């Protein structure tokens, strides 16, 4: 059941006005379409499913959509509500639309034309600070995960958490923080709240991030063996390439593990993973603790966070690497 009054708001008090505006809009809706981004990760699916469960407690007619024909990767299968997601279905012509974890309109995939046709009925909920705000109401707050924002929104809506909602919220939190390796003290407070619902956090980590096949390990080895360190503009950039032939055989868990390796490689400032989706079409993941990679990704049509960002690129491998290196800022001039 839902609470009669909003629960105490703990995590993002600086954005109270944004959350209240979004909650007010949702309270008046009888039908809501929740849209997560294409090629969904655990934060996208966890946010969408948790929000859908919460809205249903308020008696709202809710469906979750993703604008692509292919389903989620296998490691998402344990998130409650995931099997109810509609893929490659048209956006209903009526009702409110809430996008979660979509850093830009194009991340809604095939649903983008319908979403942009009437932004007044769209509420954007996202934690990427590069989000341009493509809805009538935009709740854009930099935080560890979009699930942190969904939890805050549920508080404004007066919705009590339960085990299914907590699972989805935790899934986004644990994955987007790299198993709590980066973030603020808030992430531990939030995790502690969610664990009160009896979550098996060890099993969740195994399901989402740690289970890989022998084939995955062999393919990862082939990718890691060809790591290149490229110096540019005073930076050491680690470049890892996953060709289409390998990418098509590799689980999402293994892909994410390679991205984590790119982040942590000793002696480098930036990690770059080139994921070839089809010949000469790349999904680029950038990670750094020394450079604002969201600014670099934005120059190339993408976005993200200071330490983690991405974009899409077309061309040969060498061409997209050159374009990326050119997009890095020049080092500051020496005073000597």
Protein backbone atom coordinates (compact mmCIF):
# COMPACT_ATOMS: atom_id res chain seq x y z
CA UNK A 1 0.00 0.00 0.00
CA UNK A 2 1.03 3.59 -0.45
CA UNK A 3 1.50 6.03 2.41
CA UNK A 4 -1.01 8.80 2.97
CA UNK A 5 1.77 11.37 3.37
CA UNK A 6 5.15 11.60 1.68
CA UNK A 7 7.98 9.72 3.33
CA UNK A 8 10.99 11.63 4.69
CA UNK A 9 13.26 12.67 1.82
CA UNK A 10 16.86 11.84 2.52
CA UNK A 11 19.01 11.63 -0.53
CA UNK A 12 18.67 14.61 -2.89
CA UNK A 13 17.21 17.54 -0.92
CA UNK A 14 18.85 20.08 -3.23
CA UNK A 15 16.43 19.05 -6.02
CA UNK A 16 13.21 19.20 -3.97
CA UNK A 17 11.44 21.54 -6.39
CA UNK A 18 12.20 19.29 -9.38
CA UNK A 19 10.96 16.16 -7.63
CA UNK A 20 7.80 17.84 -6.40
CA UNK A 21 7.00 19.06 -9.91
CA UNK A 22 7.43 15.56 -11.33
CA UNK A 23 5.47 13.92 -8.51
CA UNK A 24 2.63 16.41 -8.92
CA UNK A 25 2.44 15.62 -12.62
CA UNK A 26 2.40 11.86 -11.95
CA UNK A 27 -0.26 12.10 -9.25
CA UNK A 28 -2.66 13.47 -11.83
CA UNK A 29 -1.98 10.77 -14.41
CA UNK A 30 -4.20 7.73 -14.85
CA UNK A 31 -1.88 6.19 -17.46
CA UNK A 32 1.92 6.28 -17.59
CA UNK A 33 4.42 4.85 -20.09
CA UNK A 34 7.84 4.43 -18.49
CA UNK A 35 10.62 4.44 -21.09
CA UNK A 36 14.15 3.13 -20.42
CA UNK A 37 17.08 3.56 -22.75
CA UNK A 38 18.05 1.21 -25.55
CA UNK A 39 20.73 -1.40 -24.82
CA UNK A 40 19.52 -1.20 -21.22
CA UNK A 41 21.75 -1.74 -18.24
CA UNK A 42 20.67 -2.58 -14.70
CA UNK A 43 20.17 1.06 -13.77
CA UNK A 44 17.79 1.59 -16.70
CA UNK A 45 15.79 -1.58 -16.09
CA UNK A 46 15.89 -1.31 -12.31
CA UNK A 47 14.69 2.31 -12.44
CA UNK A 48 11.90 1.58 -14.92
CA UNK A 49 10.57 -1.51 -13.17
CA UNK A 50 10.80 0.00 -9.67
CA UNK A 51 8.96 3.14 -10.78
CA UNK A 52 6.30 1.04 -12.52
CA UNK A 53 5.72 -1.03 -9.36
CA UNK A 54 5.43 2.15 -7.32
CA UNK A 55 2.97 3.84 -9.66
CA UNK A 56 0.79 0.72 -9.73
CA UNK A 57 0.48 1.02 -5.95
CA UNK A 58 -1.20 4.35 -6.63
CA UNK A 59 -3.66 2.74 -9.03
CA UNK A 60 -1.96 4.04 -12.19
CA UNK A 61 -2.11 2.03 -15.42
CA UNK A 62 1.61 1.56 -16.21
CA UNK A 63 3.66 -0.10 -18.90
CA UNK A 64 7.42 -0.13 -19.44
CA UNK A 65 8.78 0.24 -22.96
CA UNK A 66 12.19 0.12 -24.62
CA UNK A 67 12.50 1.30 -28.22
CA UNK A 68 14.50 -1.56 -29.69
CA UNK A 69 13.63 -4.96 -31.13
CA UNK A 70 16.13 -6.97 -29.12
CA UNK A 71 15.47 -7.91 -25.47
CA UNK A 72 17.64 -7.19 -22.47
CA UNK A 73 20.84 -9.12 -21.83
CA UNK A 74 20.58 -12.34 -19.85
CA UNK A 75 22.15 -10.95 -16.68
CA UNK A 76 19.09 -8.72 -16.14
CA UNK A 77 16.70 -11.67 -15.91
CA UNK A 78 16.35 -11.62 -12.09
CA UNK A 79 15.22 -7.98 -11.79
CA UNK A 80 11.53 -8.07 -10.81
CA UNK A 81 9.26 -6.84 -13.59
CA UNK A 82 11.80 -7.32 -16.36
CA UNK A 83 9.67 -9.89 -18.18
CA UNK A 84 6.83 -7.38 -18.51
CA UNK A 85 8.88 -4.86 -20.52
CA UNK A 86 7.54 -4.22 -24.00
CA UNK A 87 10.12 -4.08 -26.78
CA UNK A 88 9.67 -2.38 -30.13
CA UNK A 89 6.07 -1.45 -29.35
CA UNK A 90 4.65 1.96 -30.33
CA UNK A 91 4.31 4.63 -27.67
CA UNK A 92 0.64 5.06 -26.69
CA UNK A 93 -0.87 8.25 -28.06
CA UNK A 94 -2.34 9.16 -24.66
CA UNK A 95 -1.08 9.34 -21.11
CA UNK A 96 2.06 10.60 -19.43
CA UNK A 97 5.52 9.49 -20.54
CA UNK A 98 8.38 9.17 -18.04
CA UNK A 99 11.87 8.47 -19.37
CA UNK A 100 14.41 7.04 -16.94
CA UNK A 101 18.20 6.98 -17.35
CA UNK A 102 17.91 8.36 -20.92
CA UNK A 103 20.74 10.89 -21.22
CA UNK A 104 19.32 12.31 -24.46
CA UNK A 105 16.24 11.82 -26.62
CA UNK A 106 18.05 9.52 -29.05
CA UNK A 107 18.61 7.03 -26.21
CA UNK A 108 14.89 6.24 -26.39
CA UNK A 109 15.55 4.60 -29.76
CA UNK A 110 12.52 3.99 -31.96
CA UNK A 111 10.33 5.88 -29.47
CA UNK A 112 12.17 9.17 -30.01
CA UNK A 113 9.92 10.63 -32.77
CA UNK A 114 6.78 10.11 -30.66
CA UNK A 115 8.48 11.51 -27.56
CA UNK A 116 9.69 14.64 -29.35
CA UNK A 117 6.33 15.14 -31.03
CA UNK A 118 4.80 16.29 -27.74
CA UNK A 119 7.40 17.04 -25.06
CA UNK A 120 4.71 18.57 -22.84
CA UNK A 121 3.58 15.09 -21.77
CA UNK A 122 7.14 13.89 -21.06
CA UNK A 123 8.88 13.80 -17.66
CA UNK A 124 12.63 13.19 -17.86
CA UNK A 125 14.26 11.52 -14.83
CA UNK A 126 18.01 11.12 -15.28
CA UNK A 127 21.31 11.39 -13.42
CA UNK A 128 23.54 12.38 -16.36
CA UNK A 129 24.55 16.01 -16.02
CA UNK A 130 24.93 16.34 -19.81
CA UNK A 131 21.22 15.67 -20.36
CA UNK A 132 19.82 18.62 -22.39
CA UNK A 133 16.31 18.22 -20.92
CA UNK A 134 13.96 17.09 -23.66
CA UNK A 135 10.75 16.88 -21.62
CA UNK A 136 8.11 19.25 -20.38
CA UNK A 137 9.39 18.51 -16.87
CA UNK A 138 13.06 17.63 -16.44
CA UNK A 139 14.44 16.13 -13.24
CA UNK A 140 18.17 15.99 -13.93
CA UNK A 141 20.30 15.54 -10.83
CA UNK A 142 23.80 14.14 -10.76
CA UNK A 143 23.78 11.14 -8.45
CA UNK A 144 25.20 7.64 -8.18
CA UNK A 145 22.41 6.10 -10.22
CA UNK A 146 19.00 6.91 -11.61
CA UNK A 147 17.60 4.47 -9.05
CA UNK A 148 18.62 6.93 -6.32
CA UNK A 149 16.38 9.46 -8.06
CA UNK A 150 13.52 7.00 -8.44
CA UNK A 151 13.69 6.23 -4.74
CA UNK A 152 13.46 9.97 -4.00
CA UNK A 153 10.55 10.34 -6.40
CA UNK A 154 8.68 7.46 -4.75
CA UNK A 155 9.10 9.30 -1.46
CA UNK A 156 7.40 12.36 -2.88
CA UNK A 157 4.63 10.14 -4.22
CA UNK A 158 4.14 8.61 -0.78
CA UNK A 159 4.86 5.08 -1.99
CA UNK A 160 6.19 2.51 0.46
CA UNK A 161 9.02 0.33 -0.77
CA UNK A 162 8.71 -3.44 -0.91
CA UNK A 163 11.08 -6.28 -1.80
CA UNK A 164 10.50 -6.05 -5.57
CA UNK A 165 11.00 -2.28 -5.68
CA UNK A 166 14.07 -2.54 -3.44
CA UNK A 167 15.62 -5.18 -5.72
CA UNK A 168 15.30 -2.95 -8.80
CA UNK A 169 16.66 0.08 -6.96
CA UNK A 170 19.61 -1.91 -5.59
CA UNK A 171 20.40 -3.37 -9.02
CA UNK A 172 20.94 0.08 -10.47
CA UNK A 173 22.88 1.30 -7.45
CA UNK A 174 25.34 -1.59 -7.17
CA UNK A 175 26.14 -1.66 -10.88
CA UNK A 176 26.42 2.09 -11.51
CA UNK A 177 28.77 2.49 -8.54
CA UNK A 178 30.99 -0.42 -9.61
CA UNK A 179 30.05 -2.39 -6.49
CA UNK A 180 30.34 0.77 -4.35
CA UNK A 181 33.81 1.69 -5.57
CA UNK A 182 32.83 5.22 -6.56
CA UNK A 183 30.19 7.53 -5.22
CA UNK A 184 29.35 9.48 -2.06
CA UNK A 185 28.40 8.25 1.44
CA UNK A 186 24.80 8.48 0.22
CA UNK A 187 25.22 5.24 -1.73
CA UNK A 188 25.96 3.29 1.45
CA UNK A 189 23.02 4.87 3.28
CA UNK A 190 20.74 3.98 0.38
CA UNK A 191 22.08 0.42 0.18
CA UNK A 192 21.49 -0.02 3.92
CA UNK A 193 17.87 1.07 3.51
CA UNK A 194 17.30 -1.37 0.65
CA UNK A 195 18.94 -4.27 2.47
CA UNK A 196 16.24 -4.04 5.13
CA UNK A 197 13.93 -5.73 2.61
CA UNK A 198 15.85 -9.00 2.80
CA UNK A 199 17.84 -8.68 -0.42
CA UNK A 200 20.43 -11.39 -1.09
CA UNK A 201 23.09 -8.88 -2.12
CA UNK A 202 25.71 -11.54 -2.81
CA UNK A 203 23.42 -13.34 -5.24
CA UNK A 204 22.38 -10.08 -6.89
CA UNK A 205 26.04 -9.25 -7.53
CA UNK A 206 26.64 -12.72 -8.95
CA UNK A 207 23.63 -12.48 -11.24
CA UNK A 208 24.29 -8.98 -12.51
CA UNK A 209 28.07 -8.70 -12.64
CA UNK A 210 30.03 -11.80 -11.72
CA UNK A 211 28.64 -14.75 -13.67
CA UNK A 212 30.58 -15.44 -16.87
CA UNK A 213 31.07 -18.46 -19.09
CA UNK A 214 34.41 -19.99 -20.12
CA UNK A 215 33.82 -18.52 -23.58
CA UNK A 216 33.46 -15.06 -22.01
CA UNK A 217 36.82 -15.44 -20.28
CA UNK A 218 38.51 -16.54 -23.50
CA UNK A 219 37.05 -13.61 -25.43
CA UNK A 220 38.01 -11.17 -22.69
CA UNK A 221 41.56 -12.49 -22.82
CA UNK A 222 41.72 -11.87 -26.56
CA UNK A 223 40.56 -8.28 -26.09
CA UNK A 224 42.80 -7.50 -23.11
CA UNK A 225 45.87 -8.96 -24.86
CA UNK A 226 45.59 -6.23 -27.50
CA UNK A 227 45.32 -3.27 -25.12
CA UNK A 228 47.06 -0.19 -26.49
CA UNK A 229 48.40 2.76 -24.50
CA UNK A 230 48.24 5.91 -26.61
CA UNK A 231 49.83 9.17 -25.41
CA UNK A 232 47.92 12.32 -26.30
CA UNK A 233 47.95 15.89 -24.98
CA UNK A 234 49.78 14.95 -21.81
CA UNK A 235 47.51 11.98 -21.10
CA UNK A 236 48.02 8.23 -21.27
CA UNK A 237 44.93 6.72 -22.89
CA UNK A 238 44.28 2.96 -22.68
CA UNK A 239 42.39 1.74 -25.74
CA UNK A 240 40.60 -1.62 -25.71
CA UNK A 241 38.76 -2.80 -28.80
CA UNK A 242 35.95 -5.34 -28.96
CA UNK A 243 35.45 -6.21 -32.66
CA UNK A 244 31.97 -7.07 -33.90
CA UNK A 245 32.81 -10.78 -34.18
CA UNK A 246 33.78 -10.92 -30.51
CA UNK A 247 31.15 -8.48 -29.26
CA UNK A 248 28.32 -10.57 -30.71
CA UNK A 249 29.50 -13.62 -28.73
CA UNK A 250 30.29 -11.87 -25.45
CA UNK A 251 27.82 -11.45 -22.59
CA UNK A 252 27.02 -7.99 -21.29
CA UNK A 253 28.64 -8.98 -18.01
CA UNK A 254 31.94 -9.59 -19.80
CA UNK A 255 31.65 -6.31 -21.72
CA UNK A 256 31.12 -4.39 -18.49
CA UNK A 257 34.11 -6.17 -16.93
CA UNK A 258 36.33 -4.96 -19.77
CA UNK A 259 35.08 -1.41 -19.24
CA UNK A 260 36.04 -1.72 -15.57
CA UNK A 261 39.52 -2.88 -16.58
CA UNK A 262 39.84 0.21 -18.76
CA UNK A 263 39.01 2.39 -15.77
CA UNK A 264 41.56 0.82 -13.43
CA UNK A 265 44.63 0.20 -15.62
CA UNK A 266 47.70 1.37 -13.71
CA UNK A 267 49.69 4.23 -15.24
CA UNK A 268 46.87 5.52 -17.45
CA UNK A 269 44.64 8.59 -17.18
CA UNK A 270 41.77 7.56 -19.45
CA UNK A 271 40.29 4.22 -20.45
CA UNK A 272 38.45 3.82 -23.76
CA UNK A 273 36.51 0.75 -24.89
CA UNK A 274 35.45 0.56 -28.55
CA UNK A 275 32.51 -1.83 -28.95
CA UNK A 276 31.83 -2.59 -32.60
CA UNK A 277 28.08 -3.11 -32.93
CA UNK A 278 28.17 -3.77 -36.67
CA UNK A 279 31.06 -3.23 -39.10
CA UNK A 280 32.32 0.37 -38.70
CA UNK A 281 29.63 1.34 -36.16
CA UNK A 282 30.97 1.74 -32.63
CA UNK A 283 29.63 2.33 -29.13
CA UNK A 284 32.37 4.17 -27.25
CA UNK A 285 32.76 3.98 -23.46
CA UNK A 286 35.06 6.46 -21.71
CA UNK A 287 36.31 6.21 -18.13
CA UNK A 288 38.69 8.47 -16.20
CA UNK A 289 39.63 9.81 -12.80
CA UNK A 290 41.77 12.60 -14.29
CA UNK A 291 39.68 14.16 -17.07
CA UNK A 292 36.05 15.23 -17.52
CA UNK A 293 35.15 12.60 -20.11
CA UNK A 294 31.55 13.82 -20.26
CA UNK A 295 32.82 17.01 -21.91
CA UNK A 296 34.82 14.92 -24.41
CA UNK A 297 31.80 12.72 -25.18
CA UNK A 298 29.58 15.78 -25.59
CA UNK A 299 31.87 17.15 -28.29
CA UNK A 300 31.30 13.91 -30.16
CA UNK A 301 27.52 13.80 -29.76
CA UNK A 302 27.26 11.84 -26.52
CA UNK A 303 27.31 12.56 -22.81
CA UNK A 304 27.49 11.09 -19.35
CA UNK A 305 29.27 11.90 -16.10
CA UNK A 306 32.61 13.50 -15.25
CA UNK A 307 34.24 10.08 -14.77
CA UNK A 308 32.10 7.90 -17.09
CA UNK A 309 30.62 8.79 -20.46
CA UNK A 310 29.92 7.44 -23.91
CA UNK A 311 28.87 8.17 -27.47
CA UNK A 312 28.41 6.49 -30.85
CA UNK A 313 30.85 6.72 -33.75
CA UNK A 314 31.01 5.59 -37.37
CA UNK A 315 34.13 4.78 -39.38
CA UNK A 316 37.20 2.61 -39.27
CA UNK A 317 38.80 1.85 -35.94
CA UNK A 318 41.73 4.15 -36.59
CA UNK A 319 39.43 6.94 -37.73
CA UNK A 320 37.24 6.90 -34.62
CA UNK A 321 40.30 6.76 -32.36
CA UNK A 322 41.80 9.81 -34.11
CA UNK A 323 38.53 11.71 -33.74
CA UNK A 324 38.42 10.83 -30.05
CA UNK A 325 41.99 11.89 -29.36
CA UNK A 326 41.40 15.19 -31.16
CA UNK A 327 38.42 15.86 -28.87
CA UNK A 328 40.51 15.82 -25.68
CA UNK A 329 41.34 19.28 -24.34
CA UNK A 330 44.78 20.71 -24.80
CA UNK A 331 46.93 20.59 -21.65
CA UNK A 332 47.18 23.84 -19.71
CA UNK A 333 50.02 26.11 -20.78
CA UNK A 334 53.14 25.90 -18.66
CA UNK A 335 54.03 28.93 -16.56
CA UNK A 336 57.72 28.10 -16.77
